[in-house]
N, C-alpha and C. Protein backbone atom coordinates (compact mmCIF):
# COMPACT_ATOMS: atom_id res chain seq x y z
N MET A 1 0.84 -1.18 0.00
CA MET A 1 0.00 0.00 0.00
C MET A 1 0.89 1.25 0.00
N ILE A 2 0.49 2.23 -0.78
CA ILE A 2 1.19 3.50 -0.83
C ILE A 2 0.26 4.60 -0.35
N GLU A 3 0.72 5.36 0.64
CA GLU A 3 0.00 6.55 1.10
C GLU A 3 0.55 7.74 0.33
N ARG A 4 -0.33 8.67 -0.02
CA ARG A 4 0.10 9.86 -0.73
C ARG A 4 -0.37 11.10 0.02
N ILE A 5 0.51 12.08 0.13
CA ILE A 5 0.17 13.35 0.77
C ILE A 5 0.05 14.41 -0.31
N ASP A 6 -1.05 15.16 -0.27
CA ASP A 6 -1.31 16.22 -1.25
C ASP A 6 -1.16 15.70 -2.68
N ALA A 7 -1.88 14.61 -2.97
CA ALA A 7 -1.84 14.02 -4.30
C ALA A 7 -2.61 14.88 -5.28
N GLY A 8 -1.99 15.16 -6.40
CA GLY A 8 -2.63 15.92 -7.46
C GLY A 8 -2.61 15.13 -8.74
N PRO A 9 -3.06 15.72 -9.83
CA PRO A 9 -3.09 14.98 -11.10
C PRO A 9 -1.70 14.70 -11.66
N ARG A 10 -0.71 15.53 -11.30
CA ARG A 10 0.63 15.38 -11.85
C ARG A 10 1.59 14.73 -10.87
N MET A 11 1.44 15.04 -9.58
CA MET A 11 2.41 14.55 -8.59
C MET A 11 1.81 14.61 -7.20
N SER A 12 2.46 13.94 -6.28
CA SER A 12 2.14 14.02 -4.86
C SER A 12 3.29 14.72 -4.17
N GLU A 13 3.01 15.43 -3.09
CA GLU A 13 4.08 16.09 -2.34
C GLU A 13 4.92 15.07 -1.59
N ALA A 14 4.30 13.94 -1.21
CA ALA A 14 5.05 12.88 -0.55
C ALA A 14 4.34 11.55 -0.80
N CYS A 15 5.13 10.50 -0.87
CA CYS A 15 4.61 9.14 -0.97
C CYS A 15 5.26 8.31 0.14
N ILE A 16 4.44 7.47 0.77
CA ILE A 16 4.91 6.66 1.88
C ILE A 16 4.61 5.21 1.58
N HIS A 17 5.63 4.38 1.71
CA HIS A 17 5.46 2.94 1.55
C HIS A 17 6.15 2.28 2.73
N GLY A 18 5.37 1.63 3.56
CA GLY A 18 5.94 1.05 4.78
C GLY A 18 6.52 2.16 5.64
N GLU A 19 7.79 2.08 5.91
CA GLU A 19 8.47 3.10 6.72
C GLU A 19 9.21 4.14 5.88
N LEU A 20 9.19 3.98 4.56
CA LEU A 20 9.92 4.87 3.67
C LEU A 20 9.06 6.07 3.27
N VAL A 21 9.62 7.27 3.38
CA VAL A 21 8.93 8.51 3.04
C VAL A 21 9.74 9.22 1.95
N CYS A 22 9.13 9.41 0.79
CA CYS A 22 9.80 10.09 -0.33
C CYS A 22 9.08 11.41 -0.60
N LEU A 23 9.79 12.51 -0.48
CA LEU A 23 9.21 13.82 -0.74
C LEU A 23 9.51 14.27 -2.16
N ALA A 24 8.58 14.99 -2.73
CA ALA A 24 8.82 15.66 -4.01
C ALA A 24 9.80 16.79 -3.76
N GLY A 25 10.37 17.32 -4.81
CA GLY A 25 11.26 18.46 -4.67
C GLY A 25 10.52 19.63 -4.06
N GLN A 26 11.08 20.20 -3.03
CA GLN A 26 10.47 21.35 -2.36
C GLN A 26 11.18 22.62 -2.82
N VAL A 27 10.37 23.64 -3.10
CA VAL A 27 10.90 24.89 -3.64
C VAL A 27 10.47 26.05 -2.73
N PRO A 28 11.14 27.19 -2.85
CA PRO A 28 10.85 28.32 -1.96
C PRO A 28 9.51 28.98 -2.26
N GLU A 29 8.99 29.67 -1.24
CA GLU A 29 7.75 30.43 -1.39
C GLU A 29 7.99 31.84 -1.92
N THR A 30 9.21 32.35 -1.75
CA THR A 30 9.50 33.73 -2.11
C THR A 30 10.49 33.77 -3.28
N PRO A 31 9.96 33.73 -4.50
CA PRO A 31 10.86 33.83 -5.66
C PRO A 31 11.66 35.12 -5.60
N GLY A 32 12.92 35.04 -5.94
CA GLY A 32 13.76 36.23 -5.96
C GLY A 32 14.41 36.57 -4.64
N ALA A 33 14.02 35.90 -3.55
CA ALA A 33 14.67 36.14 -2.25
C ALA A 33 16.09 35.61 -2.30
N ASP A 34 16.91 36.01 -1.33
CA ASP A 34 18.30 35.53 -1.29
C ASP A 34 18.34 34.03 -0.99
N ILE A 35 19.47 33.42 -1.23
CA ILE A 35 19.62 31.97 -1.10
C ILE A 35 19.34 31.48 0.31
N GLU A 36 19.76 32.22 1.33
CA GLU A 36 19.51 31.74 2.70
C GLU A 36 18.02 31.75 3.02
N THR A 37 17.31 32.79 2.61
CA THR A 37 15.86 32.85 2.83
C THR A 37 15.17 31.72 2.08
N GLN A 38 15.52 31.54 0.81
CA GLN A 38 14.88 30.48 0.04
C GLN A 38 15.19 29.11 0.63
N THR A 39 16.40 28.89 1.07
CA THR A 39 16.75 27.60 1.66
C THR A 39 15.97 27.37 2.95
N ARG A 40 15.87 28.38 3.79
CA ARG A 40 15.08 28.24 5.03
C ARG A 40 13.62 27.91 4.71
N GLU A 41 13.06 28.54 3.69
CA GLU A 41 11.67 28.25 3.31
C GLU A 41 11.52 26.80 2.85
N VAL A 42 12.46 26.33 2.06
CA VAL A 42 12.41 24.95 1.58
C VAL A 42 12.54 23.98 2.76
N LEU A 43 13.44 24.25 3.66
CA LEU A 43 13.63 23.37 4.82
C LEU A 43 12.39 23.36 5.72
N ALA A 44 11.72 24.49 5.84
CA ALA A 44 10.47 24.54 6.62
C ALA A 44 9.39 23.70 5.94
N ALA A 45 9.33 23.73 4.62
CA ALA A 45 8.36 22.90 3.89
C ALA A 45 8.67 21.42 4.09
N ILE A 46 9.95 21.08 4.10
CA ILE A 46 10.36 19.69 4.35
C ILE A 46 9.94 19.28 5.75
N ASP A 47 10.20 20.12 6.74
CA ASP A 47 9.78 19.82 8.11
C ASP A 47 8.28 19.55 8.19
N ALA A 48 7.49 20.40 7.53
CA ALA A 48 6.03 20.25 7.58
C ALA A 48 5.56 18.95 6.93
N LEU A 49 6.12 18.63 5.77
CA LEU A 49 5.72 17.38 5.10
C LEU A 49 6.16 16.15 5.88
N LEU A 50 7.36 16.20 6.43
CA LEU A 50 7.82 15.05 7.23
C LEU A 50 6.92 14.86 8.45
N ALA A 51 6.50 15.94 9.07
CA ALA A 51 5.59 15.85 10.22
C ALA A 51 4.28 15.20 9.80
N GLN A 52 3.74 15.60 8.65
CA GLN A 52 2.51 14.98 8.15
C GLN A 52 2.68 13.49 7.92
N ALA A 53 3.88 13.10 7.55
CA ALA A 53 4.17 11.69 7.26
C ALA A 53 4.55 10.90 8.51
N GLY A 54 4.64 11.57 9.65
CA GLY A 54 5.02 10.89 10.88
C GLY A 54 6.51 10.73 11.04
N SER A 55 7.27 11.67 10.47
CA SER A 55 8.73 11.61 10.54
C SER A 55 9.27 12.99 10.90
N ASP A 56 10.57 13.13 10.85
CA ASP A 56 11.20 14.44 11.08
C ASP A 56 12.60 14.45 10.49
N LYS A 57 13.26 15.60 10.55
CA LYS A 57 14.55 15.76 9.88
C LYS A 57 15.65 14.85 10.42
N THR A 58 15.51 14.33 11.62
CA THR A 58 16.53 13.42 12.16
C THR A 58 16.43 12.04 11.52
N ARG A 59 15.37 11.82 10.74
CA ARG A 59 15.14 10.52 10.12
C ARG A 59 15.35 10.56 8.60
N ILE A 60 15.93 11.66 8.12
CA ILE A 60 16.22 11.76 6.68
C ILE A 60 17.43 10.89 6.35
N LEU A 61 17.27 10.06 5.35
CA LEU A 61 18.36 9.19 4.90
C LEU A 61 19.23 9.90 3.87
N ARG A 62 18.57 10.62 2.96
CA ARG A 62 19.28 11.20 1.82
C ARG A 62 18.64 12.52 1.42
N ALA A 63 19.47 13.49 1.08
CA ALA A 63 18.99 14.77 0.56
C ALA A 63 19.71 15.07 -0.75
N GLN A 64 18.95 15.56 -1.71
CA GLN A 64 19.50 15.99 -2.98
C GLN A 64 19.18 17.48 -3.11
N VAL A 65 20.23 18.29 -3.18
CA VAL A 65 20.08 19.74 -3.25
C VAL A 65 20.41 20.19 -4.67
N TYR A 66 19.50 20.93 -5.26
CA TYR A 66 19.70 21.49 -6.59
C TYR A 66 19.81 23.00 -6.46
N LEU A 67 20.92 23.56 -6.91
CA LEU A 67 21.15 25.00 -6.88
C LEU A 67 21.13 25.54 -8.31
N ALA A 68 20.44 26.64 -8.52
CA ALA A 68 20.44 27.26 -9.83
C ALA A 68 21.82 27.81 -10.17
N ASP A 69 22.55 28.20 -9.12
CA ASP A 69 23.91 28.73 -9.31
C ASP A 69 24.79 28.18 -8.19
N VAL A 70 25.80 27.41 -8.53
CA VAL A 70 26.66 26.81 -7.53
C VAL A 70 27.39 27.87 -6.69
N ALA A 71 27.42 29.10 -7.15
CA ALA A 71 28.01 30.19 -6.36
C ALA A 71 27.21 30.41 -5.07
N ASP A 72 25.97 29.91 -5.00
CA ASP A 72 25.14 30.03 -3.79
C ASP A 72 25.39 28.91 -2.79
N PHE A 73 26.37 28.06 -3.05
CA PHE A 73 26.64 26.90 -2.20
C PHE A 73 26.89 27.31 -0.73
N ALA A 74 27.71 28.31 -0.49
CA ALA A 74 28.02 28.72 0.88
C ALA A 74 26.79 29.25 1.60
N GLY A 75 26.00 30.07 0.92
CA GLY A 75 24.78 30.61 1.54
C GLY A 75 23.77 29.53 1.85
N MET A 76 23.60 28.57 0.93
CA MET A 76 22.70 27.45 1.18
C MET A 76 23.20 26.66 2.38
N ASN A 77 24.52 26.43 2.46
CA ASN A 77 25.08 25.67 3.57
C ASN A 77 24.90 26.38 4.92
N ARG A 78 24.92 27.71 4.93
CA ARG A 78 24.67 28.43 6.20
C ARG A 78 23.28 28.10 6.73
N ALA A 79 22.28 28.15 5.85
CA ALA A 79 20.91 27.82 6.26
C ALA A 79 20.80 26.34 6.61
N TRP A 80 21.41 25.48 5.81
CA TRP A 80 21.37 24.03 6.06
C TRP A 80 22.00 23.71 7.41
N ASP A 81 23.19 24.26 7.66
CA ASP A 81 23.92 23.94 8.90
C ASP A 81 23.15 24.39 10.14
N ALA A 82 22.41 25.48 10.04
CA ALA A 82 21.60 25.96 11.16
C ALA A 82 20.38 25.05 11.38
N TRP A 83 19.96 24.34 10.35
CA TRP A 83 18.76 23.50 10.41
C TRP A 83 19.05 22.06 10.80
N VAL A 84 20.10 21.48 10.26
CA VAL A 84 20.38 20.06 10.47
C VAL A 84 20.78 19.82 11.93
N VAL A 85 20.36 18.70 12.47
CA VAL A 85 20.66 18.34 13.85
C VAL A 85 22.06 17.73 13.90
N ALA A 86 22.91 18.25 14.79
CA ALA A 86 24.29 17.75 14.91
C ALA A 86 24.28 16.23 15.12
N GLY A 87 25.09 15.55 14.36
CA GLY A 87 25.18 14.10 14.46
C GLY A 87 24.08 13.35 13.73
N GLN A 88 23.13 14.08 13.10
CA GLN A 88 22.00 13.45 12.41
C GLN A 88 21.93 13.86 10.94
N ALA A 89 23.02 14.37 10.40
CA ALA A 89 23.02 14.81 9.00
C ALA A 89 22.84 13.63 8.07
N PRO A 90 21.99 13.79 7.04
CA PRO A 90 21.79 12.71 6.08
C PRO A 90 22.92 12.66 5.05
N ALA A 91 22.95 11.61 4.28
CA ALA A 91 23.79 11.60 3.09
C ALA A 91 23.23 12.70 2.18
N ARG A 92 24.13 13.42 1.49
CA ARG A 92 23.66 14.56 0.70
C ARG A 92 24.49 14.74 -0.56
N ALA A 93 23.82 15.13 -1.62
CA ALA A 93 24.48 15.53 -2.86
C ALA A 93 23.98 16.92 -3.22
N THR A 94 24.85 17.75 -3.75
CA THR A 94 24.47 19.09 -4.19
C THR A 94 24.98 19.29 -5.61
N VAL A 95 24.09 19.69 -6.50
CA VAL A 95 24.46 19.91 -7.89
C VAL A 95 23.87 21.22 -8.39
N GLU A 96 24.49 21.76 -9.43
CA GLU A 96 23.93 22.92 -10.10
C GLU A 96 22.99 22.43 -11.18
N ALA A 97 21.80 23.04 -11.25
CA ALA A 97 20.81 22.63 -12.24
C ALA A 97 19.90 23.81 -12.58
N ARG A 98 19.39 23.81 -13.79
CA ARG A 98 18.40 24.82 -14.15
C ARG A 98 17.07 24.38 -13.53
N LEU A 99 16.47 25.25 -12.72
CA LEU A 99 15.22 24.92 -12.04
C LEU A 99 14.03 25.38 -12.88
N ALA A 100 12.86 24.86 -12.59
CA ALA A 100 11.66 25.12 -13.40
C ALA A 100 11.26 26.60 -13.41
N ASN A 101 11.51 27.30 -12.32
CA ASN A 101 11.21 28.73 -12.24
C ASN A 101 12.54 29.47 -12.11
N PRO A 102 12.86 30.37 -13.01
CA PRO A 102 14.14 31.06 -12.95
C PRO A 102 14.35 31.89 -11.68
N ALA A 103 13.30 32.19 -10.93
CA ALA A 103 13.41 32.95 -9.69
C ALA A 103 13.75 32.06 -8.49
N TRP A 104 13.67 30.74 -8.67
CA TRP A 104 14.06 29.82 -7.60
C TRP A 104 15.56 29.64 -7.63
N LYS A 105 16.17 29.68 -6.46
CA LYS A 105 17.61 29.47 -6.34
C LYS A 105 17.94 28.05 -5.85
N VAL A 106 16.94 27.37 -5.24
CA VAL A 106 17.20 26.07 -4.63
C VAL A 106 15.95 25.20 -4.67
N GLU A 107 16.18 23.91 -4.83
CA GLU A 107 15.14 22.89 -4.70
C GLU A 107 15.79 21.72 -3.97
N ILE A 108 15.06 21.13 -3.02
CA ILE A 108 15.63 20.03 -2.23
C ILE A 108 14.64 18.86 -2.23
N VAL A 109 15.19 17.67 -2.45
CA VAL A 109 14.43 16.42 -2.41
C VAL A 109 14.99 15.57 -1.28
N VAL A 110 14.13 15.00 -0.44
CA VAL A 110 14.63 14.14 0.63
C VAL A 110 13.87 12.81 0.64
N THR A 111 14.56 11.81 1.16
CA THR A 111 13.99 10.51 1.45
C THR A 111 14.25 10.24 2.92
N ALA A 112 13.22 9.83 3.64
CA ALA A 112 13.35 9.60 5.08
C ALA A 112 12.63 8.32 5.46
N VAL A 113 12.71 7.97 6.72
CA VAL A 113 11.94 6.86 7.27
C VAL A 113 11.08 7.40 8.39
N ARG A 114 10.03 6.64 8.71
CA ARG A 114 9.16 7.05 9.81
C ARG A 114 9.69 6.52 11.11
């Protein structure tokens, strides 16, 4: 059985199978904001979806970070480092990619367990 959170015609915000929680890519609410603000917004969205799924950031197995400009790596890391729980950091990859909205600077996808 697969549970879906905020299922729409194109995608779900999260899918849960057993103890595995897969989130869709989360994007910022404030297009054009600086990288730290956008990253904080994305991390807050991740926190909210994980809570809906019965999980939290300490249970993230893997994070994939997409930056529109790799020059924003340090700023994204400042927001990330303030958010991640010491000793509970997930495996993570960060790449530069063209995002769907040119005003977005960051998109993050995570996989967690409940």
